[in-house]
N, C-alpha and C. Protein backbone atom coordinates (compact mmCIF):
# COMPACT_ATOMS: atom_id res chain seq x y z
N UNK A 1 -29.14 20.67 2.18
CA UNK A 1 -28.63 19.56 0.93
C UNK A 1 -27.54 20.32 0.45
N UNK A 2 -26.54 19.49 -0.24
CA UNK A 2 -25.50 19.87 -0.81
C UNK A 2 -24.33 18.91 -1.21
N UNK A 3 -23.06 19.28 -1.57
CA UNK A 3 -22.10 18.52 -2.10
C UNK A 3 -21.38 18.43 -1.14
N UNK A 4 -20.52 17.35 -0.31
CA UNK A 4 -19.54 17.49 0.39
C UNK A 4 -18.59 17.57 -0.52
N UNK A 5 -17.23 18.07 0.43
CA UNK A 5 -15.44 18.42 -0.57
C UNK A 5 -14.90 17.37 -1.12
N UNK A 6 -14.53 16.45 -0.48
CA UNK A 6 -13.58 15.10 -0.26
C UNK A 6 -14.06 14.03 0.15
N UNK A 7 -15.07 13.57 0.49
CA UNK A 7 -15.92 12.38 1.07
C UNK A 7 -16.61 11.60 -0.13
N UNK A 8 -16.26 10.68 0.01
CA UNK A 8 -16.81 9.20 -1.25
C UNK A 8 -17.17 8.04 -0.45
N UNK A 9 -17.81 7.17 -1.24
CA UNK A 9 -18.10 6.05 -0.88
C UNK A 9 -18.24 5.37 -2.09
N UNK A 10 -17.38 4.37 -2.00
CA UNK A 10 -17.41 3.76 -3.36
C UNK A 10 -16.75 4.40 -4.67
N UNK A 11 -15.88 5.31 -4.27
CA UNK A 11 -15.44 6.38 -4.85
C UNK A 11 -16.80 7.24 -6.18
N UNK A 12 -17.84 7.12 -4.74
CA UNK A 12 -18.74 7.93 -5.61
C UNK A 12 -18.72 9.39 -4.83
N UNK A 13 -18.62 10.55 -5.51
CA UNK A 13 -19.04 11.59 -4.52
C UNK A 13 -20.05 11.81 -3.50
N UNK A 14 -20.25 11.93 -2.20
CA UNK A 14 -21.28 12.12 -1.19
C UNK A 14 -21.97 13.09 -1.48
N UNK A 15 -23.21 13.02 -1.13
CA UNK A 15 -23.83 14.05 -1.25
C UNK A 15 -24.86 14.67 0.33
N UNK A 16 -25.34 15.52 0.47
CA UNK A 16 -26.33 15.26 1.60
C UNK A 16 -27.85 15.88 0.85
N UNK A 17 -28.56 15.02 1.13
CA UNK A 17 -30.05 15.62 0.43
C UNK A 17 -31.14 15.13 1.54
N UNK A 18 -32.67 15.48 1.30
CA UNK A 18 -33.42 15.08 1.78
C UNK A 18 -33.71 13.47 2.01
N UNK A 19 -34.20 12.91 2.89
CA UNK A 19 -34.70 11.44 2.67
C UNK A 19 -35.54 11.44 1.44
N UNK A 20 -36.86 11.99 0.97
CA UNK A 20 -37.19 11.63 0.07
C UNK A 20 -36.37 11.74 -1.24
N UNK A 21 -35.67 13.06 -1.63
CA UNK A 21 -35.16 12.98 -2.27
C UNK A 21 -34.45 11.92 -3.01
N UNK A 22 -34.05 11.21 -1.87
CA UNK A 22 -32.76 10.04 -1.86
C UNK A 22 -33.57 8.75 -2.12
N UNK A 23 -34.78 8.78 -1.84
CA UNK A 23 -35.78 7.85 -1.78
C UNK A 23 -36.17 7.68 -3.40
N UNK A 24 -36.62 9.03 -3.92
CA UNK A 24 -37.04 8.87 -5.50
C UNK A 24 -35.98 8.76 -6.36
N UNK A 25 -34.59 9.08 -6.01
CA UNK A 25 -33.40 9.07 -7.14
C UNK A 25 -33.28 7.29 -6.96
N UNK A 26 -33.58 6.50 -5.86
CA UNK A 26 -32.84 5.31 -5.76
C UNK A 26 -33.78 4.41 -6.61
N UNK A 27 -35.21 4.66 -5.83
CA UNK A 27 -36.45 3.95 -6.56
C UNK A 27 -36.94 3.83 -7.30
N UNK A 28 -37.10 5.16 -7.46
CA UNK A 28 -38.06 5.51 -8.94
C UNK A 28 -37.24 5.56 -10.58
N UNK A 29 -38.16 5.33 -11.35
CA UNK A 29 -37.61 5.43 -12.95
C UNK A 29 -37.27 6.74 -13.11
N UNK A 30 -35.89 6.81 -13.72
CA UNK A 30 -35.60 8.46 -14.26
C UNK A 30 -36.37 8.83 -15.25
N UNK A 31 -36.87 9.69 -15.30
CA UNK A 31 -37.88 10.39 -16.36
C UNK A 31 -39.27 10.14 -16.22
N UNK A 32 -39.44 9.56 -15.08
CA UNK A 32 -41.01 8.98 -14.96
C UNK A 32 -41.82 9.77 -14.34
N UNK A 33 -43.15 10.04 -15.02
CA UNK A 33 -44.06 11.26 -14.29
C UNK A 33 -44.14 11.19 -13.19
N UNK A 34 -44.51 12.52 -12.53
CA UNK A 34 -44.21 12.89 -10.92
C UNK A 34 -45.34 12.11 -10.47
N UNK A 35 -46.47 11.53 -11.17
CA UNK A 35 -47.37 10.85 -10.10
C UNK A 35 -47.22 9.40 -9.96
N UNK A 36 -46.05 8.86 -10.70
CA UNK A 36 -45.39 7.89 -10.30
C UNK A 36 -44.57 7.91 -9.16
N UNK A 37 -44.47 8.82 -8.48
CA UNK A 37 -43.25 8.93 -7.30
C UNK A 37 -44.01 9.01 -5.96
N UNK A 38 -45.52 8.54 -6.11
CA UNK A 38 -46.02 8.34 -4.87
C UNK A 38 -46.10 6.68 -4.33
N UNK A 39 -45.31 6.04 -5.10
CA UNK A 39 -45.27 4.59 -4.87
C UNK A 39 -44.03 4.41 -4.68
N UNK A 40 -43.20 5.10 -4.17
CA UNK A 40 -41.86 4.86 -4.05
C UNK A 40 -42.27 4.33 -2.44
N UNK A 41 -41.23 3.23 -2.41
CA UNK A 41 -41.35 2.38 -0.54
C UNK A 41 -40.40 3.12 -0.15
N UNK A 42 -40.91 3.06 1.39
CA UNK A 42 -39.99 3.64 2.37
C UNK A 42 -38.84 2.96 2.89
N UNK A 43 -38.14 2.79 2.30
CA UNK A 43 -36.52 1.62 2.11
C UNK A 43 -35.51 2.39 2.57
N UNK A 44 -34.45 1.77 3.31
CA UNK A 44 -33.48 2.34 3.55
C UNK A 44 -32.39 1.66 3.30
N UNK A 45 -31.10 1.99 2.31
CA UNK A 45 -30.17 1.27 2.38
C UNK A 45 -29.17 0.74 3.58
N UNK A 46 -29.25 2.02 4.50
CA UNK A 46 -28.20 2.14 5.78
C UNK A 46 -28.99 3.51 6.65
N UNK A 47 -28.47 3.11 8.00
CA UNK A 47 -28.64 4.21 8.75
C UNK A 47 -27.58 4.34 9.79
N UNK A 48 -27.62 5.79 10.09
CA UNK A 48 -26.37 5.85 11.05
C UNK A 48 -26.93 6.48 12.06
N UNK A 49 -26.97 5.78 13.22
CA UNK A 49 -27.37 6.01 14.37
C UNK A 49 -26.28 6.70 15.51
N UNK A 50 -26.54 7.63 16.17
CA UNK A 50 -25.70 8.43 17.01
C UNK A 50 -26.44 8.23 18.35
N UNK A 51 -25.90 6.95 19.60
CA UNK A 51 -26.63 6.78 20.57
C UNK A 51 -25.86 7.85 22.00
N UNK A 52 -26.40 7.70 22.74
CA UNK A 52 -25.72 8.18 23.93
C UNK A 52 -25.09 6.83 24.77
N UNK A 53 -24.14 7.34 25.53
CA UNK A 53 -23.18 6.00 26.00
C UNK A 53 -24.50 5.19 26.71
N UNK A 54 -25.15 5.71 27.45
CA UNK A 54 -26.60 5.02 28.49
C UNK A 54 -27.33 4.54 27.53
N UNK A 55 -27.32 4.77 26.46
CA UNK A 55 -28.68 4.16 25.58
C UNK A 55 -28.70 2.97 25.16
N UNK A 56 -29.52 2.78 24.83
CA UNK A 56 -30.02 1.12 24.02
C UNK A 56 -28.44 0.46 23.16
N UNK A 57 -28.50 -0.67 23.34
CA UNK A 57 -27.25 -0.94 22.53
C UNK A 57 -27.78 -1.45 21.49
N UNK A 58 -26.79 -2.11 20.26
CA UNK A 58 -26.89 -2.01 19.02
C UNK A 58 -27.85 -3.77 18.83
N UNK A 59 -27.93 -4.89 20.19
CA UNK A 59 -28.44 -5.58 19.50
C UNK A 59 -30.18 -5.00 20.00
N UNK A 60 -30.65 -4.53 20.89
CA UNK A 60 -31.19 -3.97 21.57
C UNK A 60 -32.55 -3.04 20.15
N UNK A 61 -31.56 -2.23 19.66
CA UNK A 61 -31.63 -1.53 18.14
C UNK A 61 -32.04 -2.55 17.21
N UNK A 62 -31.37 -3.32 16.94
CA UNK A 62 -31.64 -4.64 15.86
C UNK A 62 -32.96 -5.30 15.99
N UNK A 63 -32.96 -5.75 17.48
CA UNK A 63 -34.54 -6.03 17.84
C UNK A 63 -35.38 -5.34 17.35
N UNK A 64 -35.51 -4.37 17.91
CA UNK A 64 -36.69 -3.15 17.79
C UNK A 64 -36.86 -3.00 16.15
N UNK A 65 -35.90 -2.68 15.50
CA UNK A 65 -36.34 -2.29 14.46
C UNK A 65 -35.77 -2.84 13.26
N UNK A 66 -35.49 -4.18 13.46
CA UNK A 66 -35.48 -5.39 12.45
C UNK A 66 -33.99 -4.80 11.68
N UNK A 67 -32.83 -4.77 12.19
CA UNK A 67 -32.08 -4.38 11.70
C UNK A 67 -31.07 -4.89 11.74
N UNK A 68 -29.74 -4.40 11.01
CA UNK A 68 -28.33 -4.99 11.08
C UNK A 68 -27.10 -4.52 11.28
N UNK A 69 -26.78 -4.18 12.42
CA UNK A 69 -25.90 -3.12 12.85
C UNK A 69 -24.42 -3.80 12.68
N UNK A 70 -23.76 -2.55 12.01
CA UNK A 70 -22.19 -2.99 11.27
C UNK A 70 -21.22 -1.69 11.65
N UNK A 71 -19.89 -2.45 12.04
CA UNK A 71 -18.71 -1.23 12.28
C UNK A 71 -18.61 -0.38 11.14
N UNK A 72 -18.08 0.67 11.34
CA UNK A 72 -17.37 1.23 9.74
C UNK A 72 -16.78 0.34 9.05
N UNK A 73 -15.84 -0.51 9.46
CA UNK A 73 -15.27 -0.89 8.55
C UNK A 73 -16.21 -2.22 7.93
N UNK A 74 -16.59 -2.81 8.50
CA UNK A 74 -17.74 -4.06 8.06
C UNK A 74 -18.66 -3.13 6.74
N UNK A 75 -19.15 -1.54 7.23
CA UNK A 75 -19.54 -1.05 6.44
C UNK A 75 -19.39 -0.65 5.00
N UNK A 76 -18.06 -0.25 5.00
CA UNK A 76 -17.21 -0.28 3.85
C UNK A 76 -17.24 -1.47 3.24
N UNK A 77 -16.82 -2.89 3.66
CA UNK A 77 -16.86 -3.76 3.17
C UNK A 77 -17.82 -4.57 2.30
N UNK A 78 -18.89 -3.84 2.62
CA UNK A 78 -20.28 -4.49 2.16
C UNK A 78 -20.74 -3.67 1.03
N UNK A 79 -19.80 -2.28 0.57
CA UNK A 79 -19.96 -1.64 -0.74
C UNK A 79 -19.29 -3.01 -1.62
N UNK A 80 -20.13 -2.41 -3.31
CA UNK A 80 -19.83 -3.24 -4.19
C UNK A 80 -18.36 -3.10 -4.43
N UNK A 81 -17.86 -4.40 -4.52
CA UNK A 81 -16.43 -4.11 -4.81
C UNK A 81 -15.58 -3.94 -4.38
N UNK A 82 -15.83 -3.34 -2.93
CA UNK A 82 -14.78 -3.34 -2.03
C UNK A 82 -13.87 -4.15 -1.76
N UNK A 83 -14.38 -5.16 -1.17
CA UNK A 83 -13.56 -6.49 -0.94
C UNK A 83 -12.57 -6.81 -2.21
N UNK A 84 -13.05 -7.26 -3.27
CA UNK A 84 -12.15 -7.48 -4.34
C UNK A 84 -11.09 -6.44 -4.98
N UNK A 85 -11.36 -5.12 -4.59
CA UNK A 85 -10.17 -3.98 -4.89
C UNK A 85 -9.35 -4.14 -3.71
N UNK A 86 -9.90 -4.44 -2.34
CA UNK A 86 -8.79 -4.37 -1.64
C UNK A 86 -8.03 -5.79 -1.92
N UNK A 87 -8.53 -6.93 -2.18
CA UNK A 87 -7.52 -7.89 -2.12
C UNK A 87 -6.57 -7.39 -3.34
N UNK A 88 -7.27 -7.12 -4.73
CA UNK A 88 -5.94 -6.57 -5.61
C UNK A 88 -5.14 -5.85 -5.21
N UNK A 89 -5.40 -4.87 -4.23
CA UNK A 89 -4.07 -3.90 -3.67
C UNK A 89 -3.38 -4.53 -3.03
N UNK A 90 -3.92 -5.73 -2.05
CA UNK A 90 -3.15 -6.08 -1.05
C UNK A 90 -1.78 -7.65 -1.81
N UNK A 91 -2.75 -7.51 -2.92
CA UNK A 91 -1.85 -8.84 -4.11
C UNK A 91 -0.65 -7.70 -4.42
N UNK A 92 -1.29 -6.63 -5.02
CA UNK A 92 0.12 -5.92 -5.71
C UNK A 92 1.04 -5.55 -4.41
N UNK A 93 0.83 -5.29 -3.14
CA UNK A 93 1.47 -5.05 -2.35
C UNK A 93 2.48 -6.37 -1.87
N UNK A 94 1.78 -7.05 -1.79
CA UNK A 94 2.61 -8.51 -1.63
C UNK A 94 3.65 -8.73 -2.55
N UNK A 95 2.88 -8.99 -3.86
CA UNK A 95 4.27 -9.11 -5.07
C UNK A 95 5.41 -8.07 -4.77
N UNK A 96 4.73 -6.59 -4.67
CA UNK A 96 6.17 -5.47 -4.41
C UNK A 96 7.00 -5.72 -3.51
N UNK A 97 6.74 -6.27 -2.49
CA UNK A 97 7.54 -7.12 -0.99
C UNK A 97 8.37 -8.23 -1.80
N UNK A 98 7.76 -8.74 -2.42
CA UNK A 98 8.66 -10.28 -2.83
C UNK A 98 9.53 -9.99 -4.30
N UNK A 99 8.81 -9.28 -5.02
CA UNK A 99 9.74 -8.66 -5.93
C UNK A 99 11.16 -7.90 -5.76
N UNK A 100 10.75 -6.71 -4.91
CA UNK A 100 11.68 -6.09 -4.35
C UNK A 100 13.65 -6.75 -3.73
N UNK A 101 13.19 -7.76 -2.89
CA UNK A 101 14.47 -8.22 -2.67
C UNK A 101 14.92 -9.37 -3.99
N UNK A 102 14.05 -9.59 -4.87
CA UNK A 102 14.71 -10.16 -5.96
C UNK A 102 15.91 -9.44 -6.85
N UNK A 103 14.75 -8.26 -6.90
CA UNK A 103 15.77 -7.29 -7.60
C UNK A 103 16.93 -6.42 -7.59
N UNK A 104 16.80 -6.24 -5.94
CA UNK A 104 17.81 -5.55 -5.74
C UNK A 104 19.48 -7.11 -5.29
N UNK A 105 18.47 -8.00 -5.06
CA UNK A 105 19.39 -9.89 -5.00
C UNK A 105 19.93 -9.37 -6.03
N UNK A 106 19.76 -9.42 -7.45
CA UNK A 106 20.31 -9.92 -8.76
C UNK A 106 20.96 -8.36 -9.32
N UNK A 107 20.59 -7.42 -8.86
CA UNK A 107 21.43 -6.25 -8.95
C UNK A 107 22.83 -6.42 -8.46
N UNK A 108 23.15 -6.87 -7.20
CA UNK A 108 24.24 -6.91 -6.27
C UNK A 108 24.87 -7.96 -6.42
N UNK A 109 24.42 -9.13 -7.33
CA UNK A 109 24.92 -10.29 -7.40
C UNK A 109 25.61 -9.94 -8.27
N UNK A 110 24.90 -9.50 -9.97
CA UNK A 110 25.64 -8.76 -11.02
C UNK A 110 27.10 -7.65 -10.54
N UNK A 111 26.74 -7.08 -9.75
CA UNK A 111 27.88 -5.93 -8.84
C UNK A 111 29.07 -7.06 -8.74
N UNK A 112 28.46 -7.79 -7.76
CA UNK A 112 29.51 -8.41 -6.69
C UNK A 112 30.73 -8.86 -7.65
N UNK A 113 29.98 -9.81 -8.96
CA UNK A 113 30.53 -10.49 -9.75
C UNK A 113 31.69 -9.97 -10.76
N UNK A 114 31.03 -8.77 -10.53
CA UNK A 114 31.90 -7.65 -12.09
C UNK A 114 33.34 -6.99 -10.82
N UNK A 115 33.11 -7.23 -9.69
CA UNK A 115 33.92 -6.48 -8.70
C UNK A 115 35.31 -7.34 -8.23
N UNK A 116 34.66 -8.50 -8.47
CA UNK A 116 35.58 -9.82 -7.96
C UNK A 116 37.12 -9.72 -7.95
N UNK A 117 37.78 -9.41 -8.85
CA UNK A 117 38.74 -9.04 -9.06
C UNK A 117 39.45 -7.80 -8.27
N UNK A 118 38.62 -6.82 -7.93
CA UNK A 118 39.13 -5.74 -7.23
C UNK A 118 38.94 -6.56 -5.54
N UNK A 119 37.61 -7.19 -5.38
CA UNK A 119 37.60 -7.63 -3.88
C UNK A 119 38.72 -8.36 -3.48
N UNK A 120 39.34 -9.28 -4.99
CA UNK A 120 40.62 -10.44 -4.23
C UNK A 120 41.79 -9.67 -4.23
N UNK A 121 42.10 -8.19 -4.71
CA UNK A 121 43.01 -7.01 -4.98
C UNK A 121 43.36 -6.91 -3.25
N UNK A 122 41.66 -6.70 -2.97
CA UNK A 122 41.76 -6.26 -1.24
C UNK A 122 42.28 -7.24 -0.35
N UNK A 123 41.82 -8.25 -0.70
CA UNK A 123 41.84 -9.38 0.03
C UNK A 123 43.35 -9.44 0.28
N UNK A 124 44.15 -9.60 -0.99
CA UNK A 124 45.57 -9.58 -1.07
C UNK A 124 46.75 -8.35 -0.33
N UNK A 125 45.90 -7.20 -0.64
CA UNK A 125 46.56 -5.93 0.28
C UNK A 125 46.43 -6.12 1.84
N UNK A 126 45.28 -7.19 2.00
CA UNK A 126 45.32 -7.40 3.83
C UNK A 126 44.00 -7.12 4.42
N UNK A 127 43.45 -6.77 3.32
CA UNK A 127 41.75 -6.37 4.29
C UNK A 127 40.95 -7.65 4.57
N UNK A 128 40.30 -7.35 5.79
CA UNK A 128 39.75 -8.77 5.85
C UNK A 128 38.45 -8.89 5.30
N UNK A 129 37.84 -10.06 5.61
CA UNK A 129 36.29 -10.26 5.29
C UNK A 129 35.54 -9.81 6.11
N UNK A 130 35.72 -9.09 7.33
CA UNK A 130 34.80 -8.43 8.16
C UNK A 130 34.67 -7.15 7.24
N UNK A 131 35.85 -6.63 7.15
CA UNK A 131 35.67 -5.45 6.42
C UNK A 131 35.31 -4.81 5.20
N UNK A 132 35.57 -5.85 4.15
CA UNK A 132 34.94 -6.57 2.91
C UNK A 132 33.22 -6.26 2.79
N UNK A 133 32.87 -7.38 4.21
CA UNK A 133 31.55 -7.43 4.14
C UNK A 133 30.94 -6.23 4.68
N UNK A 134 31.31 -5.71 5.66
CA UNK A 134 30.57 -4.34 6.06
C UNK A 134 30.41 -3.03 5.00
N UNK A 135 32.05 -2.93 4.45
CA UNK A 135 31.43 -2.09 3.09
C UNK A 135 30.48 -2.36 2.07
N UNK A 136 30.07 -3.65 2.03
CA UNK A 136 29.57 -4.10 1.11
C UNK A 136 27.88 -3.82 1.72
N UNK A 137 27.65 -4.17 2.66
CA UNK A 137 26.21 -3.63 3.72
C UNK A 137 25.99 -2.56 3.13
N UNK A 138 27.01 -1.91 3.35
CA UNK A 138 27.10 0.04 3.59
C UNK A 138 26.93 0.44 2.63
N UNK A 139 27.09 -0.36 1.16
CA UNK A 139 26.77 0.15 -0.33
C UNK A 139 25.56 0.22 -0.35
N UNK A 140 25.06 -1.53 -0.46
CA UNK A 140 24.04 -1.78 -0.33
C UNK A 140 22.85 -0.95 0.73
N UNK A 141 22.53 -0.89 1.49
CA UNK A 141 21.99 -0.12 2.31
C UNK A 141 21.88 1.10 1.90
N UNK A 142 22.92 1.90 1.19
CA UNK A 142 22.81 3.53 1.13
C UNK A 142 21.97 3.59 -0.71
N UNK A 143 22.36 2.62 -1.34
CA UNK A 143 21.81 2.12 -2.24
C UNK A 143 19.85 1.96 -2.49
N UNK A 144 19.83 1.02 -1.25
CA UNK A 144 18.11 0.44 -1.13
C UNK A 144 17.52 2.00 -0.51
N UNK A 145 18.35 2.24 0.26
CA UNK A 145 17.67 3.56 1.15
C UNK A 145 17.46 4.80 -0.15
N UNK A 146 18.32 5.33 -0.66
CA UNK A 146 18.14 6.61 -1.50
C UNK A 146 17.01 5.81 -2.51
N UNK A 147 17.00 4.84 -3.22
CA UNK A 147 16.24 4.44 -4.22
C UNK A 147 15.11 4.26 -3.66
N UNK A 148 14.97 4.03 -2.45
CA UNK A 148 13.37 4.06 -1.49
C UNK A 148 12.98 5.41 -1.51
N UNK A 149 13.98 6.38 -1.37
CA UNK A 149 13.53 7.68 -0.79
C UNK A 149 13.03 8.13 -2.14
N UNK A 150 13.58 8.05 -3.10
CA UNK A 150 13.49 8.50 -4.23
C UNK A 150 11.83 8.44 -4.96
N UNK A 151 11.88 6.91 -4.61
CA UNK A 151 10.28 6.36 -5.04
C UNK A 151 9.35 6.76 -4.07
N UNK A 152 9.62 7.37 -2.80
CA UNK A 152 8.30 7.77 -2.25
C UNK A 152 8.49 9.22 -2.56
N UNK A 153 9.18 10.22 -3.09
CA UNK A 153 9.13 11.57 -3.33
C UNK A 153 8.18 11.48 -4.45
N UNK A 154 8.65 10.42 -5.36
CA UNK A 154 7.77 10.35 -6.91
C UNK A 154 6.44 9.87 -6.60
N UNK A 155 6.19 8.81 -5.11
CA UNK A 155 4.73 8.85 -4.98
C UNK A 155 3.99 10.02 -4.89
N UNK A 156 4.58 10.75 -4.00
CA UNK A 156 3.75 12.06 -3.58
C UNK A 156 3.86 12.97 -4.46
N UNK A 157 5.00 13.18 -5.47
CA UNK A 157 4.64 14.07 -6.86
C UNK A 157 3.49 13.60 -7.55
N UNK A 158 3.35 12.37 -7.74
CA UNK A 158 2.26 11.86 -8.31
C UNK A 158 1.03 12.26 -7.87
N UNK A 159 1.17 11.99 -6.43
CA UNK A 159 -0.26 12.43 -6.30
C UNK A 159 -0.54 14.06 -6.22
N UNK A 160 0.48 14.53 -5.80
CA UNK A 160 -0.10 16.05 -6.19
C UNK A 160 -0.34 16.64 -7.58
N UNK A 161 0.16 15.84 -8.32
CA UNK A 161 0.07 15.97 -9.71
C UNK A 161 -1.71 15.70 -10.37
N UNK A 162 -2.19 14.94 -9.37
CA UNK A 162 -3.13 13.79 -10.13
C UNK A 162 -4.17 14.83 -9.65
N UNK A 163 -4.00 15.26 -8.04
CA UNK A 163 -5.14 15.99 -7.06
C UNK A 163 -6.42 15.23 -7.03
N UNK A 164 -7.43 15.94 -7.28
CA UNK A 164 -8.51 15.25 -6.92
C UNK A 164 -8.95 14.46 -8.34
N UNK A 165 -8.02 14.25 -9.21
CA UNK A 165 -8.85 13.72 -10.76
C UNK A 165 -9.01 11.93 -10.24
N UNK A 166 -8.29 11.42 -9.84
CA UNK A 166 -8.72 10.18 -9.15
C UNK A 166 -8.55 10.00 -7.84
N UNK A 167 -9.10 8.72 -7.21
CA UNK A 167 -9.04 8.63 -5.81
C UNK A 167 -7.51 8.30 -5.45
N UNK A 168 -7.04 9.45 -4.40
CA UNK A 168 -5.49 9.32 -4.03
C UNK A 168 -5.34 9.43 -3.07
N UNK A 169 -4.84 8.51 -2.32
CA UNK A 169 -4.60 8.77 -0.65
C UNK A 169 -3.35 8.33 -0.01
N UNK A 170 -2.81 8.98 0.51
CA UNK A 170 -1.22 8.61 0.52
C UNK A 170 -0.59 9.33 2.30
N UNK A 171 -1.03 8.14 3.22
CA UNK A 171 -0.85 9.17 4.74
C UNK A 171 0.47 8.73 4.68
N UNK A 172 0.96 10.14 5.59
CA UNK A 172 2.54 9.69 6.23
C UNK A 172 2.91 8.35 7.19
N UNK A 173 1.79 7.77 7.71
CA UNK A 173 2.32 6.91 8.03
C UNK A 173 2.13 5.57 7.24
N UNK A 174 1.45 5.46 6.67
CA UNK A 174 1.47 4.24 5.72
C UNK A 174 2.72 4.30 4.52
N UNK A 175 2.81 6.05 4.36
CA UNK A 175 4.17 5.96 3.31
C UNK A 175 5.45 5.36 3.93
N UNK A 176 5.38 6.03 5.05
CA UNK A 176 6.78 5.60 6.34
C UNK A 176 6.88 4.02 6.47
N UNK A 177 5.56 3.35 6.73
CA UNK A 177 5.62 1.90 7.06
C UNK A 177 5.95 1.02 5.80
N UNK A 178 5.90 1.57 4.52
CA UNK A 178 5.73 0.87 3.35
C UNK A 178 7.44 1.14 3.13
N UNK A 179 7.79 2.38 2.95
CA UNK A 179 9.09 2.73 3.03
C UNK A 179 10.03 1.22 3.99
N UNK A 180 9.86 1.92 5.17
CA UNK A 180 10.71 0.74 6.03
C UNK A 180 10.67 -0.74 5.54
N UNK A 181 9.32 -1.12 5.07
CA UNK A 181 9.16 -2.31 4.60
C UNK A 181 10.22 -3.00 3.47
N UNK A 182 9.53 -1.91 2.44
CA UNK A 182 10.60 -2.46 0.81
C UNK A 182 12.01 -1.94 1.18
N UNK A 183 12.49 -1.23 2.59
CA UNK A 183 14.43 -0.88 2.35
C UNK A 183 14.70 -2.68 3.08
N UNK A 184 13.93 -2.55 4.15
CA UNK A 184 13.91 -4.00 4.82
C UNK A 184 14.25 -5.44 3.85
N UNK A 185 12.98 -5.42 3.46
CA UNK A 185 13.22 -6.63 2.43
C UNK A 185 14.10 -6.59 1.43
N UNK A 186 14.53 -5.43 0.95
CA UNK A 186 15.96 -4.95 -0.48
C UNK A 186 17.19 -5.38 0.30
N UNK A 187 17.31 -4.97 1.41
CA UNK A 187 18.29 -5.26 2.05
C UNK A 187 18.27 -6.90 2.35
N UNK A 188 17.37 -7.40 2.56
CA UNK A 188 17.44 -8.94 2.96
C UNK A 188 17.86 -9.60 1.71
N UNK A 189 17.64 -8.84 0.43
CA UNK A 189 18.14 -9.77 -1.03
C UNK A 189 19.39 -9.42 -0.89
N UNK A 190 20.13 -8.45 -0.42
CA UNK A 190 21.35 -8.21 -0.46
C UNK A 190 22.00 -9.81 -0.11
N UNK A 191 21.70 -10.36 0.91
CA UNK A 191 22.04 -11.54 1.70
C UNK A 191 22.69 -12.22 0.51
N UNK A 192 22.36 -12.55 -0.72
CA UNK A 192 22.55 -13.61 -1.91
C UNK A 192 23.90 -13.10 -1.99
N UNK A 193 24.49 -11.78 -2.22
CA UNK A 193 25.76 -11.51 -2.54
C UNK A 193 26.61 -11.39 -1.40
N UNK A 194 26.63 -12.16 -0.16
CA UNK A 194 27.42 -11.89 0.69
C UNK A 194 28.48 -12.85 0.96
N UNK A 195 28.11 -14.15 0.45
CA UNK A 195 28.61 -14.93 0.50
C UNK A 195 30.15 -14.81 -0.78
N UNK A 196 29.58 -14.16 -1.74
CA UNK A 196 30.41 -13.80 -2.90
C UNK A 196 32.00 -13.08 -2.32
N UNK A 197 31.34 -12.17 -1.56
CA UNK A 197 32.20 -11.21 -1.13
C UNK A 197 33.22 -11.61 -0.10
N UNK A 198 32.82 -12.59 0.80
CA UNK A 198 33.35 -13.27 1.71
C UNK A 198 34.33 -14.15 1.38
N UNK A 199 34.24 -14.88 0.18
CA UNK A 199 34.64 -15.65 -0.79
C UNK A 199 35.93 -15.41 -1.18
N UNK A 200 35.91 -14.07 -1.54
CA UNK A 200 37.03 -13.49 -2.61
C UNK A 200 38.62 -14.43 -1.89
N UNK A 201 38.99 -14.72 -3.17
CA UNK A 201 40.27 -15.46 -2.93
C UNK A 201 41.37 -14.39 -3.23
N UNK A 202 42.51 -14.31 -2.56
CA UNK A 202 43.74 -13.21 -2.61
C UNK A 202 44.13 -13.81 -3.68
N UNK A 203 44.32 -14.76 -3.84
CA UNK A 203 45.36 -15.83 -4.76
C UNK A 203 45.13 -15.76 -6.28
N UNK A 204 44.07 -15.12 -6.36
CA UNK A 204 43.16 -14.53 -7.69
C UNK A 204 44.37 -13.59 -8.41
N UNK A 205 44.43 -12.43 -7.53
CA UNK A 205 45.14 -11.26 -7.67
C UNK A 205 46.89 -11.60 -7.99
N UNK A 206 47.27 -12.98 -7.21
CA UNK A 206 48.60 -13.55 -6.83
C UNK A 206 49.04 -14.01 -8.12
N UNK A 207 48.08 -14.13 -9.14
CA UNK A 207 48.56 -14.95 -10.16
C UNK A 207 48.22 -16.58 -10.20
N UNK A 208 47.31 -17.10 -9.38
CA UNK A 208 47.20 -18.46 -9.23
C UNK A 208 46.07 -18.94 -10.42
N UNK A 209 45.68 -17.91 -11.04
CA UNK A 209 44.93 -18.48 -12.13
C UNK A 209 45.25 -18.20 -13.22
N UNK A 210 46.65 -18.31 -13.52
CA UNK A 210 47.55 -18.13 -14.71
C UNK A 210 48.47 -19.11 -15.08
């Protein structure tokens, strides 16, 4: 018997103990006299079986022992609060992907409006719409990528800071996928500003509005 290092189930540390010890903890009343522990039922909350490849199937074992076999993913989902917690986290991620293009689009929309005279001046000097569009997309990509990278570094630093105090897990694959998705939706938000860039009127800088 003993305690594991980082293993947990439902955010509770996992410990390996004899079956009788677990049954006494699970089914007896804390502080009850030892004489009452004889009535502890021989029940289990779950069983983990390791069978040979050519052994009995899960259906045969369920029929033999009146059990229900679940996959590892289904077993985690059966934990109290797991479904609600996953729904909350998934909702946060969805709103993140929805908010990111709005924030980036609003920023570059204001930025484009403020630079309209400069864009008109560049058009009057002979710059093509394609060139202005390419420069705008490049600047937007630079800002979005640098912002996403800074956020990833900050998230990793927070994970190292909290250590084992809170349940924190940030695999490299998840971090990379999130960064790419946030950068993609952020760049999609800049599409709201591209029309203003291509419609910059060179006559504005030639005195047509005076």
